[in-house]
Amino acid sequence: MALSDTDLVMLAKAAPDRAAFDGLVRRHQAGLRAFLRKLGADAAQADDLAQETFIKALRSLQSYRGGASFRSWLYAIAWREFLQGARSERSRSRLSEAVAAESQGEAMRSAGDFSLDLQRALASLDDIERAAVLLCDAVGLSHGEASVALGAPLGSVKTYVARAREKLRAFLEDETPLRDRPSLVAENGVRHAV
């Protein structure tokens, strides 16, 4: 019988070895890395962010009280790590290079099972909208769990998800061939067609 996240957390808090926490890492690392890649991190950056997330989770495990699911608590840490990385100049540089590569028709980095159109549609969303829709639709968190992960009110998360779904639907229903669509370049937080 497989242990639940709650059981593994209790064992990890009580045990001096990390076997129980390693079980939590194995259970959640693939989904967490995929979430970070879909947010916009490249594979190496997603691995680094996931590793930092698990390190912080291990260090903070004694403060986890179980009010929210372990998974939503873990994704909250990952979201904060992503935001912190996105604020750094190095992360902005990587994102700009990826957008430039896309607009020049070069091979895109892998982002799981998402099509090129869906990757571009996700890239057109605000960070908070992209995170909310990915947490709810790709990761499978409830709106309440996503609320905890994002540190946002439940009503706001529902709005972000609804708005993101509407924008994605509109983007994907656009009949303009992909090569004829204008690229979006963020400049001071404002997107401009180029």
N, C-alpha and C. Protein backbone atom coordinates (compact mmCIF):
# COMPACT_ATOMS: atom_id res chain seq x y z
N MET A 1 0.84 -1.18 0.00
CA MET A 1 0.00 0.00 0.00
C MET A 1 0.89 1.24 0.00
N ALA A 2 0.61 2.14 -0.91
CA ALA A 2 1.39 3.37 -1.03
C ALA A 2 0.99 4.34 0.07
N LEU A 3 1.97 5.02 0.61
CA LEU A 3 1.71 6.01 1.65
C LEU A 3 1.21 7.31 1.01
N SER A 4 0.34 8.01 1.71
CA SER A 4 -0.16 9.29 1.23
C SER A 4 0.89 10.37 1.46
N ASP A 5 0.68 11.54 0.85
CA ASP A 5 1.59 12.66 1.08
C ASP A 5 1.64 13.00 2.56
N THR A 6 0.49 12.99 3.22
CA THR A 6 0.42 13.31 4.65
C THR A 6 1.26 12.34 5.46
N ASP A 7 1.17 11.05 5.13
CA ASP A 7 1.97 10.05 5.84
C ASP A 7 3.46 10.28 5.62
N LEU A 8 3.83 10.55 4.38
CA LEU A 8 5.24 10.78 4.07
C LEU A 8 5.76 12.04 4.75
N VAL A 9 4.94 13.08 4.82
CA VAL A 9 5.35 14.31 5.50
C VAL A 9 5.58 14.02 6.98
N MET A 10 4.66 13.29 7.61
CA MET A 10 4.82 12.96 9.03
C MET A 10 6.09 12.14 9.26
N LEU A 11 6.36 11.18 8.39
CA LEU A 11 7.58 10.39 8.50
C LEU A 11 8.83 11.24 8.27
N ALA A 12 8.77 12.14 7.29
CA ALA A 12 9.92 12.99 6.99
C ALA A 12 10.21 13.94 8.16
N LYS A 13 9.17 14.40 8.83
CA LYS A 13 9.38 15.27 9.99
C LYS A 13 9.99 14.50 11.15
N ALA A 14 9.62 13.24 11.29
CA ALA A 14 10.05 12.45 12.44
C ALA A 14 11.39 11.74 12.22
N ALA A 15 11.70 11.40 10.97
CA ALA A 15 12.88 10.58 10.69
C ALA A 15 14.11 11.43 10.42
N PRO A 16 15.25 11.03 10.99
CA PRO A 16 16.47 11.78 10.71
C PRO A 16 16.99 11.55 9.29
N ASP A 17 16.64 10.40 8.68
CA ASP A 17 17.06 10.19 7.30
C ASP A 17 16.02 10.80 6.36
N ARG A 18 16.33 10.88 5.12
CA ARG A 18 15.44 11.56 4.18
C ARG A 18 14.68 10.62 3.28
N ALA A 19 14.54 9.39 3.64
CA ALA A 19 13.86 8.42 2.78
C ALA A 19 12.42 8.84 2.50
N ALA A 20 11.71 9.29 3.51
CA ALA A 20 10.32 9.70 3.33
C ALA A 20 10.23 10.93 2.44
N PHE A 21 11.12 11.89 2.68
CA PHE A 21 11.10 13.09 1.84
C PHE A 21 11.48 12.75 0.41
N ASP A 22 12.42 11.83 0.24
CA ASP A 22 12.79 11.38 -1.10
C ASP A 22 11.57 10.79 -1.83
N GLY A 23 10.71 10.13 -1.08
CA GLY A 23 9.47 9.61 -1.67
C GLY A 23 8.56 10.73 -2.16
N LEU A 24 8.50 11.82 -1.41
CA LEU A 24 7.72 12.98 -1.85
C LEU A 24 8.34 13.60 -3.10
N VAL A 25 9.66 13.67 -3.13
CA VAL A 25 10.34 14.22 -4.31
C VAL A 25 10.03 13.37 -5.54
N ARG A 26 10.18 12.05 -5.40
CA ARG A 26 9.90 11.16 -6.54
C ARG A 26 8.46 11.31 -7.01
N ARG A 27 7.55 11.46 -6.08
CA ARG A 27 6.13 11.55 -6.42
C ARG A 27 5.80 12.86 -7.15
N HIS A 28 6.46 13.95 -6.81
CA HIS A 28 6.04 15.26 -7.32
C HIS A 28 7.02 15.93 -8.29
N GLN A 29 8.23 15.40 -8.45
CA GLN A 29 9.22 16.12 -9.24
C GLN A 29 8.86 16.26 -10.71
N ALA A 30 8.33 15.23 -11.34
CA ALA A 30 8.02 15.32 -12.77
C ALA A 30 6.93 16.36 -13.02
N GLY A 31 5.88 16.34 -12.24
CA GLY A 31 4.80 17.31 -12.41
C GLY A 31 5.26 18.73 -12.12
N LEU A 32 6.08 18.88 -11.10
CA LEU A 32 6.59 20.20 -10.73
C LEU A 32 7.49 20.76 -11.84
N ARG A 33 8.38 19.92 -12.36
CA ARG A 33 9.26 20.36 -13.44
C ARG A 33 8.46 20.72 -14.69
N ALA A 34 7.45 19.92 -15.00
CA ALA A 34 6.61 20.22 -16.18
C ALA A 34 5.89 21.55 -15.98
N PHE A 35 5.37 21.79 -14.79
CA PHE A 35 4.69 23.06 -14.48
C PHE A 35 5.64 24.23 -14.69
N LEU A 36 6.85 24.13 -14.19
CA LEU A 36 7.83 25.21 -14.33
C LEU A 36 8.21 25.43 -15.79
N ARG A 37 8.35 24.34 -16.57
CA ARG A 37 8.65 24.49 -18.00
C ARG A 37 7.51 25.19 -18.72
N LYS A 38 6.29 24.83 -18.37
CA LYS A 38 5.14 25.44 -19.03
C LYS A 38 4.95 26.89 -18.63
N LEU A 39 5.46 27.27 -17.47
CA LEU A 39 5.43 28.67 -17.07
C LEU A 39 6.37 29.50 -17.93
N GLY A 40 7.39 28.86 -18.50
CA GLY A 40 8.31 29.58 -19.37
C GLY A 40 9.77 29.29 -19.09
N ALA A 41 10.06 28.45 -18.12
CA ALA A 41 11.45 28.12 -17.84
C ALA A 41 11.94 27.09 -18.86
N ASP A 42 13.21 27.22 -19.26
CA ASP A 42 13.75 26.17 -20.13
C ASP A 42 14.01 24.94 -19.27
N ALA A 43 14.36 23.83 -19.88
CA ALA A 43 14.50 22.57 -19.15
C ALA A 43 15.52 22.67 -18.02
N ALA A 44 16.68 23.26 -18.29
CA ALA A 44 17.71 23.37 -17.26
C ALA A 44 17.25 24.29 -16.12
N GLN A 45 16.63 25.39 -16.49
CA GLN A 45 16.13 26.32 -15.47
C GLN A 45 15.02 25.67 -14.66
N ALA A 46 14.14 24.92 -15.30
CA ALA A 46 13.06 24.22 -14.59
C ALA A 46 13.65 23.22 -13.61
N ASP A 47 14.70 22.51 -14.02
CA ASP A 47 15.36 21.57 -13.12
C ASP A 47 15.95 22.30 -11.91
N ASP A 48 16.61 23.43 -12.17
CA ASP A 48 17.20 24.21 -11.08
C ASP A 48 16.12 24.73 -10.12
N LEU A 49 15.04 25.26 -10.70
CA LEU A 49 13.95 25.79 -9.87
C LEU A 49 13.28 24.67 -9.07
N ALA A 50 13.10 23.52 -9.68
CA ALA A 50 12.50 22.39 -8.97
C ALA A 50 13.41 21.94 -7.83
N GLN A 51 14.70 21.87 -8.10
CA GLN A 51 15.65 21.48 -7.05
C GLN A 51 15.61 22.48 -5.90
N GLU A 52 15.61 23.76 -6.22
CA GLU A 52 15.54 24.79 -5.18
C GLU A 52 14.22 24.71 -4.42
N THR A 53 13.16 24.39 -5.11
CA THR A 53 11.85 24.22 -4.46
C THR A 53 11.90 23.10 -3.44
N PHE A 54 12.47 21.96 -3.82
CA PHE A 54 12.54 20.83 -2.90
C PHE A 54 13.49 21.11 -1.73
N ILE A 55 14.56 21.82 -1.98
CA ILE A 55 15.47 22.19 -0.88
C ILE A 55 14.75 23.08 0.12
N LYS A 56 14.03 24.08 -0.39
CA LYS A 56 13.28 24.97 0.51
C LYS A 56 12.17 24.23 1.22
N ALA A 57 11.53 23.30 0.53
CA ALA A 57 10.46 22.52 1.16
C ALA A 57 11.04 21.67 2.29
N LEU A 58 12.19 21.05 2.07
CA LEU A 58 12.81 20.24 3.12
C LEU A 58 13.18 21.10 4.32
N ARG A 59 13.75 22.27 4.05
CA ARG A 59 14.15 23.17 5.14
C ARG A 59 12.94 23.69 5.91
N SER A 60 11.81 23.84 5.22
CA SER A 60 10.60 24.40 5.85
C SER A 60 9.60 23.34 6.28
N LEU A 61 9.95 22.09 6.14
CA LEU A 61 9.00 21.02 6.38
C LEU A 61 8.42 21.05 7.79
N GLN A 62 9.21 21.42 8.77
CA GLN A 62 8.70 21.47 10.14
C GLN A 62 7.62 22.53 10.31
N SER A 63 7.63 23.55 9.45
CA SER A 63 6.60 24.59 9.55
C SER A 63 5.32 24.25 8.78
N TYR A 64 5.36 23.20 7.97
CA TYR A 64 4.17 22.78 7.23
C TYR A 64 3.19 22.17 8.23
N ARG A 65 1.99 22.74 8.28
CA ARG A 65 0.99 22.32 9.27
C ARG A 65 -0.14 21.50 8.68
N GLY A 66 -0.17 21.35 7.37
CA GLY A 66 -1.18 20.51 6.77
C GLY A 66 -2.51 21.20 6.51
N GLY A 67 -2.59 22.51 6.65
CA GLY A 67 -3.84 23.22 6.37
C GLY A 67 -4.24 23.13 4.91
N ALA A 68 -3.26 23.05 4.05
CA ALA A 68 -3.47 22.87 2.61
C ALA A 68 -2.79 21.56 2.23
N SER A 69 -3.10 21.06 1.04
CA SER A 69 -2.46 19.82 0.62
C SER A 69 -0.96 20.07 0.46
N PHE A 70 -0.17 19.03 0.65
CA PHE A 70 1.28 19.15 0.47
C PHE A 70 1.59 19.62 -0.94
N ARG A 71 0.84 19.10 -1.91
CA ARG A 71 1.09 19.45 -3.31
C ARG A 71 0.89 20.94 -3.54
N SER A 72 -0.19 21.52 -3.01
CA SER A 72 -0.40 22.96 -3.22
C SER A 72 0.64 23.78 -2.47
N TRP A 73 1.08 23.30 -1.30
CA TRP A 73 2.15 23.98 -0.55
C TRP A 73 3.45 23.95 -1.35
N LEU A 74 3.75 22.81 -1.95
CA LEU A 74 4.94 22.65 -2.76
C LEU A 74 4.90 23.55 -4.00
N TYR A 75 3.75 23.59 -4.67
CA TYR A 75 3.61 24.43 -5.86
C TYR A 75 3.67 25.91 -5.50
N ALA A 76 3.26 26.27 -4.30
CA ALA A 76 3.39 27.66 -3.84
C ALA A 76 4.86 28.04 -3.76
N ILE A 77 5.67 27.15 -3.23
CA ILE A 77 7.11 27.40 -3.16
C ILE A 77 7.68 27.52 -4.58
N ALA A 78 7.27 26.63 -5.47
CA ALA A 78 7.75 26.66 -6.85
C ALA A 78 7.35 27.96 -7.55
N TRP A 79 6.13 28.40 -7.32
CA TRP A 79 5.65 29.65 -7.93
C TRP A 79 6.50 30.83 -7.46
N ARG A 80 6.80 30.87 -6.16
CA ARG A 80 7.64 31.96 -5.63
C ARG A 80 9.05 31.88 -6.21
N GLU A 81 9.57 30.68 -6.35
CA GLU A 81 10.89 30.51 -6.95
C GLU A 81 10.89 30.97 -8.41
N PHE A 82 9.83 30.63 -9.14
CA PHE A 82 9.73 31.06 -10.53
C PHE A 82 9.69 32.59 -10.61
N LEU A 83 8.86 33.21 -9.77
CA LEU A 83 8.77 34.67 -9.79
C LEU A 83 10.10 35.32 -9.44
N GLN A 84 10.78 34.77 -8.46
CA GLN A 84 12.08 35.31 -8.08
C GLN A 84 13.06 35.19 -9.25
N GLY A 85 13.05 34.05 -9.91
CA GLY A 85 13.93 33.86 -11.07
C GLY A 85 13.56 34.76 -12.23
N ALA A 86 12.25 34.97 -12.41
CA ALA A 86 11.79 35.82 -13.51
C ALA A 86 12.20 37.27 -13.30
N ARG A 87 12.39 37.65 -12.06
CA ARG A 87 12.79 39.03 -11.77
C ARG A 87 14.27 39.28 -12.06
N SER A 88 15.04 38.22 -12.10
CA SER A 88 16.47 38.41 -12.33
C SER A 88 16.74 38.71 -13.80
N GLU A 89 17.77 39.42 -14.04
CA GLU A 89 18.13 39.80 -15.41
C GLU A 89 18.47 38.59 -16.26
N ARG A 90 19.10 37.60 -15.65
CA ARG A 90 19.47 36.40 -16.39
C ARG A 90 18.25 35.68 -16.94
N SER A 91 17.20 35.60 -16.15
CA SER A 91 15.99 34.94 -16.60
C SER A 91 15.33 35.72 -17.73
N ARG A 92 15.32 37.05 -17.61
CA ARG A 92 14.74 37.87 -18.68
C ARG A 92 15.51 37.69 -19.98
N SER A 93 16.81 37.56 -19.86
CA SER A 93 17.65 37.37 -21.04
C SER A 93 17.31 36.05 -21.73
N ARG A 94 17.17 34.99 -20.96
CA ARG A 94 16.82 33.69 -21.53
C ARG A 94 15.45 33.72 -22.21
N LEU A 95 14.50 34.37 -21.58
CA LEU A 95 13.16 34.46 -22.15
C LEU A 95 13.19 35.26 -23.46
N SER A 96 13.93 36.35 -23.47
CA SER A 96 14.05 37.15 -24.69
C SER A 96 14.68 36.35 -25.82
N GLU A 97 15.70 35.56 -25.51
CA GLU A 97 16.33 34.72 -26.52
C GLU A 97 15.35 33.69 -27.06
N ALA A 98 14.54 33.12 -26.17
CA ALA A 98 13.55 32.12 -26.61
C ALA A 98 12.50 32.75 -27.51
N VAL A 99 12.03 33.96 -27.16
CA VAL A 99 11.05 34.64 -28.00
C VAL A 99 11.65 34.99 -29.35
N ALA A 100 12.90 35.44 -29.35
CA ALA A 100 13.58 35.77 -30.61
C ALA A 100 13.74 34.52 -31.47
N ALA A 101 14.09 33.41 -30.86
CA ALA A 101 14.25 32.16 -31.61
C ALA A 101 12.93 31.73 -32.23
N GLU A 102 11.83 31.88 -31.48
CA GLU A 102 10.52 31.53 -32.02
C GLU A 102 10.16 32.41 -33.21
N SER A 103 10.38 33.71 -33.08
CA SER A 103 9.98 34.62 -34.14
C SER A 103 10.81 34.44 -35.40
N GLN A 104 12.02 33.88 -35.26
CA GLN A 104 12.88 33.62 -36.42
C GLN A 104 12.65 32.24 -36.99
N GLY A 105 11.73 31.49 -36.40
CA GLY A 105 11.41 30.17 -36.92
C GLY A 105 12.39 29.08 -36.52
N GLU A 106 13.26 29.34 -35.54
CA GLU A 106 14.21 28.33 -35.10
C GLU A 106 13.49 27.30 -34.24
N ALA A 107 14.14 26.20 -33.98
CA ALA A 107 13.54 25.14 -33.18
C ALA A 107 13.28 25.65 -31.77
N MET A 108 12.09 25.33 -31.27
CA MET A 108 11.73 25.76 -29.92
C MET A 108 12.17 24.73 -28.91
N ARG A 109 12.33 25.21 -27.68
CA ARG A 109 12.63 24.29 -26.59
C ARG A 109 11.40 23.43 -26.32
N SER A 110 11.61 22.27 -25.81
CA SER A 110 10.51 21.35 -25.53
C SER A 110 9.73 21.83 -24.32
N ALA A 111 8.42 21.72 -24.41
CA ALA A 111 7.56 22.08 -23.27
C ALA A 111 6.51 21.01 -23.10
N GLY A 112 6.95 19.78 -22.97
CA GLY A 112 6.02 18.69 -22.73
C GLY A 112 5.23 18.36 -23.97
N ASP A 113 3.96 18.08 -23.78
CA ASP A 113 3.09 17.66 -24.87
C ASP A 113 2.39 18.83 -25.55
N PHE A 114 2.77 20.05 -25.25
CA PHE A 114 2.06 21.21 -25.79
C PHE A 114 2.48 21.48 -27.22
N SER A 115 1.53 21.80 -28.05
CA SER A 115 1.81 22.16 -29.44
C SER A 115 2.43 23.55 -29.49
N LEU A 116 3.01 23.87 -30.63
CA LEU A 116 3.62 25.18 -30.81
C LEU A 116 2.58 26.28 -30.63
N ASP A 117 1.37 26.08 -31.19
CA ASP A 117 0.32 27.09 -31.04
C ASP A 117 -0.05 27.28 -29.57
N LEU A 118 -0.18 26.19 -28.83
CA LEU A 118 -0.54 26.30 -27.42
C LEU A 118 0.59 26.93 -26.63
N GLN A 119 1.82 26.63 -26.96
CA GLN A 119 2.96 27.27 -26.28
C GLN A 119 2.93 28.77 -26.50
N ARG A 120 2.67 29.18 -27.72
CA ARG A 120 2.59 30.61 -28.01
C ARG A 120 1.40 31.25 -27.32
N ALA A 121 0.28 30.54 -27.30
CA ALA A 121 -0.91 31.07 -26.62
C ALA A 121 -0.62 31.25 -25.14
N LEU A 122 0.03 30.28 -24.51
CA LEU A 122 0.38 30.40 -23.10
C LEU A 122 1.35 31.55 -22.87
N ALA A 123 2.29 31.72 -23.78
CA ALA A 123 3.26 32.81 -23.65
C ALA A 123 2.60 34.17 -23.74
N SER A 124 1.43 34.25 -24.37
CA SER A 124 0.74 35.54 -24.51
C SER A 124 0.00 35.94 -23.24
N LEU A 125 -0.13 35.03 -22.27
CA LEU A 125 -0.84 35.32 -21.03
C LEU A 125 0.08 36.03 -20.03
N ASP A 126 -0.53 36.75 -19.09
CA ASP A 126 0.22 37.30 -17.96
C ASP A 126 0.72 36.13 -17.13
N ASP A 127 1.80 36.33 -16.38
CA ASP A 127 2.37 35.26 -15.56
C ASP A 127 1.32 34.66 -14.62
N ILE A 128 0.55 35.49 -13.95
CA ILE A 128 -0.42 34.99 -12.97
C ILE A 128 -1.54 34.20 -13.65
N GLU A 129 -1.98 34.65 -14.82
CA GLU A 129 -3.01 33.92 -15.56
C GLU A 129 -2.46 32.57 -16.04
N ARG A 130 -1.23 32.58 -16.56
CA ARG A 130 -0.61 31.35 -17.05
C ARG A 130 -0.44 30.36 -15.90
N ALA A 131 0.04 30.85 -14.76
CA ALA A 131 0.23 29.96 -13.61
C ALA A 131 -1.11 29.40 -13.13
N ALA A 132 -2.13 30.23 -13.05
CA ALA A 132 -3.44 29.78 -12.56
C ALA A 132 -4.04 28.71 -13.47
N VAL A 133 -4.02 28.95 -14.77
CA VAL A 133 -4.62 27.98 -15.69
C VAL A 133 -3.80 26.69 -15.74
N LEU A 134 -2.48 26.80 -15.65
CA LEU A 134 -1.66 25.59 -15.65
C LEU A 134 -1.88 24.78 -14.37
N LEU A 135 -1.95 25.46 -13.23
CA LEU A 135 -2.17 24.75 -11.98
C LEU A 135 -3.51 24.01 -11.99
N CYS A 136 -4.54 24.66 -12.51
CA CYS A 136 -5.87 24.05 -12.51
C CYS A 136 -6.06 23.04 -13.64
N ASP A 137 -5.62 23.37 -14.83
CA ASP A 137 -5.91 22.52 -15.99
C ASP A 137 -4.81 21.50 -16.30
N ALA A 138 -3.55 21.85 -16.10
CA ALA A 138 -2.48 20.92 -16.43
C ALA A 138 -2.04 20.11 -15.21
N VAL A 139 -1.93 20.76 -14.06
CA VAL A 139 -1.49 20.06 -12.86
C VAL A 139 -2.65 19.34 -12.19
N GLY A 140 -3.86 19.92 -12.30
CA GLY A 140 -5.03 19.28 -11.71
C GLY A 140 -5.39 19.75 -10.32
N LEU A 141 -4.83 20.89 -9.90
CA LEU A 141 -5.21 21.42 -8.60
C LEU A 141 -6.61 22.01 -8.67
N SER A 142 -7.31 21.99 -7.55
CA SER A 142 -8.61 22.67 -7.48
C SER A 142 -8.34 24.18 -7.43
N HIS A 143 -9.39 24.97 -7.64
CA HIS A 143 -9.23 26.42 -7.53
C HIS A 143 -8.72 26.79 -6.13
N GLY A 144 -9.21 26.11 -5.11
CA GLY A 144 -8.77 26.38 -3.75
C GLY A 144 -7.29 26.08 -3.55
N GLU A 145 -6.83 24.94 -4.08
CA GLU A 145 -5.41 24.59 -3.97
C GLU A 145 -4.55 25.56 -4.77
N ALA A 146 -5.02 25.96 -5.94
CA ALA A 146 -4.28 26.94 -6.74
C ALA A 146 -4.22 28.28 -6.02
N SER A 147 -5.29 28.62 -5.31
CA SER A 147 -5.33 29.84 -4.52
C SER A 147 -4.21 29.84 -3.48
N VAL A 148 -4.05 28.70 -2.80
CA VAL A 148 -2.99 28.56 -1.81
C VAL A 148 -1.62 28.65 -2.49
N ALA A 149 -1.46 27.94 -3.58
CA ALA A 149 -0.17 27.91 -4.29
C ALA A 149 0.25 29.29 -4.79
N LEU A 150 -0.72 30.07 -5.26
CA LEU A 150 -0.41 31.39 -5.81
C LEU A 150 -0.45 32.49 -4.77
N GLY A 151 -0.99 32.18 -3.58
CA GLY A 151 -1.11 33.21 -2.55
C GLY A 151 -2.10 34.28 -2.95
N ALA A 152 -3.14 33.88 -3.67
CA ALA A 152 -4.14 34.83 -4.17
C ALA A 152 -5.52 34.40 -3.67
N PRO A 153 -6.44 35.35 -3.53
CA PRO A 153 -7.80 35.00 -3.10
C PRO A 153 -8.46 34.04 -4.09
N LEU A 154 -9.33 33.19 -3.57
CA LEU A 154 -10.02 32.19 -4.38
C LEU A 154 -10.75 32.83 -5.56
N GLY A 155 -11.47 33.90 -5.31
CA GLY A 155 -12.21 34.58 -6.39
C GLY A 155 -11.29 35.09 -7.48
N SER A 156 -10.13 35.59 -7.07
CA SER A 156 -9.15 36.07 -8.06
C SER A 156 -8.62 34.93 -8.91
N VAL A 157 -8.35 33.80 -8.28
CA VAL A 157 -7.85 32.64 -9.03
C VAL A 157 -8.90 32.19 -10.04
N LYS A 158 -10.16 32.14 -9.63
CA LYS A 158 -11.22 31.76 -10.56
C LYS A 158 -11.27 32.74 -11.73
N THR A 159 -11.09 34.01 -11.45
CA THR A 159 -11.08 35.03 -12.51
C THR A 159 -9.88 34.83 -13.43
N TYR A 160 -8.70 34.60 -12.85
CA TYR A 160 -7.49 34.38 -13.66
C TYR A 160 -7.67 33.19 -14.58
N VAL A 161 -8.22 32.10 -14.04
CA VAL A 161 -8.42 30.88 -14.85
C VAL A 161 -9.41 31.15 -15.97
N ALA A 162 -10.54 31.78 -15.63
CA ALA A 162 -11.56 32.06 -16.64
C ALA A 162 -11.00 32.99 -17.73
N ARG A 163 -10.30 34.02 -17.31
CA ARG A 163 -9.71 34.97 -18.27
C ARG A 163 -8.68 34.28 -19.14
N ALA A 164 -7.85 33.44 -18.54
CA ALA A 164 -6.81 32.73 -19.30
C ALA A 164 -7.44 31.77 -20.31
N ARG A 165 -8.45 31.04 -19.89
CA ARG A 165 -9.12 30.11 -20.81
C ARG A 165 -9.73 30.87 -21.98
N GLU A 166 -10.33 32.01 -21.70
CA GLU A 166 -10.94 32.82 -22.77
C GLU A 166 -9.86 33.32 -23.74
N LYS A 167 -8.76 33.81 -23.21
CA LYS A 167 -7.67 34.29 -24.06
C LYS A 167 -7.06 33.14 -24.87
N LEU A 168 -6.88 31.98 -24.24
CA LEU A 168 -6.33 30.83 -24.96
C LEU A 168 -7.26 30.39 -26.08
N ARG A 169 -8.55 30.35 -25.76
CA ARG A 169 -9.54 29.95 -26.77
C ARG A 169 -9.49 30.93 -27.95
N ALA A 170 -9.47 32.22 -27.67
CA ALA A 170 -9.43 33.22 -28.73
C ALA A 170 -8.15 33.10 -29.56
N PHE A 171 -7.03 32.89 -28.89
CA PHE A 171 -5.76 32.77 -29.59
C PHE A 171 -5.76 31.54 -30.49
N LEU A 172 -6.24 30.42 -29.96
CA LEU A 172 -6.22 29.17 -30.71
C LEU A 172 -7.26 29.11 -31.82
N GLU A 173 -8.34 29.90 -31.69
CA GLU A 173 -9.36 29.93 -32.74
C GLU A 173 -9.00 30.88 -33.87
N ASP A 174 -7.97 31.69 -33.65
CA ASP A 174 -7.52 32.62 -34.68
C ASP A 174 -7.12 31.81 -35.91
N GLU A 175 -7.68 32.16 -37.05
CA GLU A 175 -7.44 31.41 -38.29
C GLU A 175 -6.14 31.83 -38.99
N THR A 176 -5.48 32.88 -38.50
CA THR A 176 -4.26 33.35 -39.13
C THR A 176 -3.18 32.27 -39.01
N PRO A 177 -2.53 31.90 -40.12
CA PRO A 177 -1.46 30.91 -40.04
C PRO A 177 -0.39 31.36 -39.06
N LEU A 178 0.23 30.44 -38.38
CA LEU A 178 1.22 30.74 -37.35
C LEU A 178 2.33 31.63 -37.89
N ARG A 179 2.80 31.38 -39.10
CA ARG A 179 3.91 32.17 -39.63
C ARG A 179 3.52 33.62 -39.89
N ASP A 180 2.19 33.89 -40.03
CA ASP A 180 1.73 35.25 -40.30
C ASP A 180 1.31 36.01 -39.05
N ARG A 181 1.34 35.34 -37.89
CA ARG A 181 0.94 36.01 -36.65
C ARG A 181 2.07 36.90 -36.17
N PRO A 182 1.75 38.07 -35.65
CA PRO A 182 2.81 38.92 -35.09
C PRO A 182 3.35 38.30 -33.81
N SER A 183 4.65 38.44 -33.61
CA SER A 183 5.26 37.98 -32.37
C SER A 183 4.97 39.01 -31.30
N LEU A 184 4.92 38.56 -30.08
CA LEU A 184 4.69 39.46 -28.97
C LEU A 184 5.99 39.64 -28.21
N VAL A 185 6.40 40.87 -28.04
CA VAL A 185 7.61 41.17 -27.31
C VAL A 185 7.23 42.03 -26.12
N ALA A 186 7.56 41.57 -24.92
CA ALA A 186 7.25 42.32 -23.71
C ALA A 186 8.30 43.40 -23.52
N GLU A 187 7.83 44.60 -23.33
CA GLU A 187 8.71 45.73 -23.07
C GLU A 187 8.13 46.50 -21.90
N ASN A 188 8.81 46.47 -20.78
CA ASN A 188 8.31 47.12 -19.57
C ASN A 188 6.92 46.60 -19.20
N GLY A 189 6.70 45.30 -19.38
CA GLY A 189 5.43 44.70 -18.98
C GLY A 189 4.32 44.87 -19.99
N VAL A 190 4.56 45.58 -21.11
CA VAL A 190 3.52 45.81 -22.13
C VAL A 190 3.90 45.02 -23.36
N ARG A 191 2.95 44.28 -23.92
CA ARG A 191 3.23 43.49 -25.10
C ARG A 191 2.96 44.32 -26.36
N HIS A 192 3.88 44.22 -27.29
CA HIS A 192 3.77 44.94 -28.55
C HIS A 192 3.91 43.97 -29.71
N ALA A 193 3.13 44.12 -30.73
CA ALA A 193 3.32 43.31 -31.94
C ALA A 193 4.51 43.84 -32.70
N VAL A 194 5.34 42.92 -33.22
CA VAL A 194 6.50 43.34 -34.02
C VAL A 194 6.45 42.67 -35.36
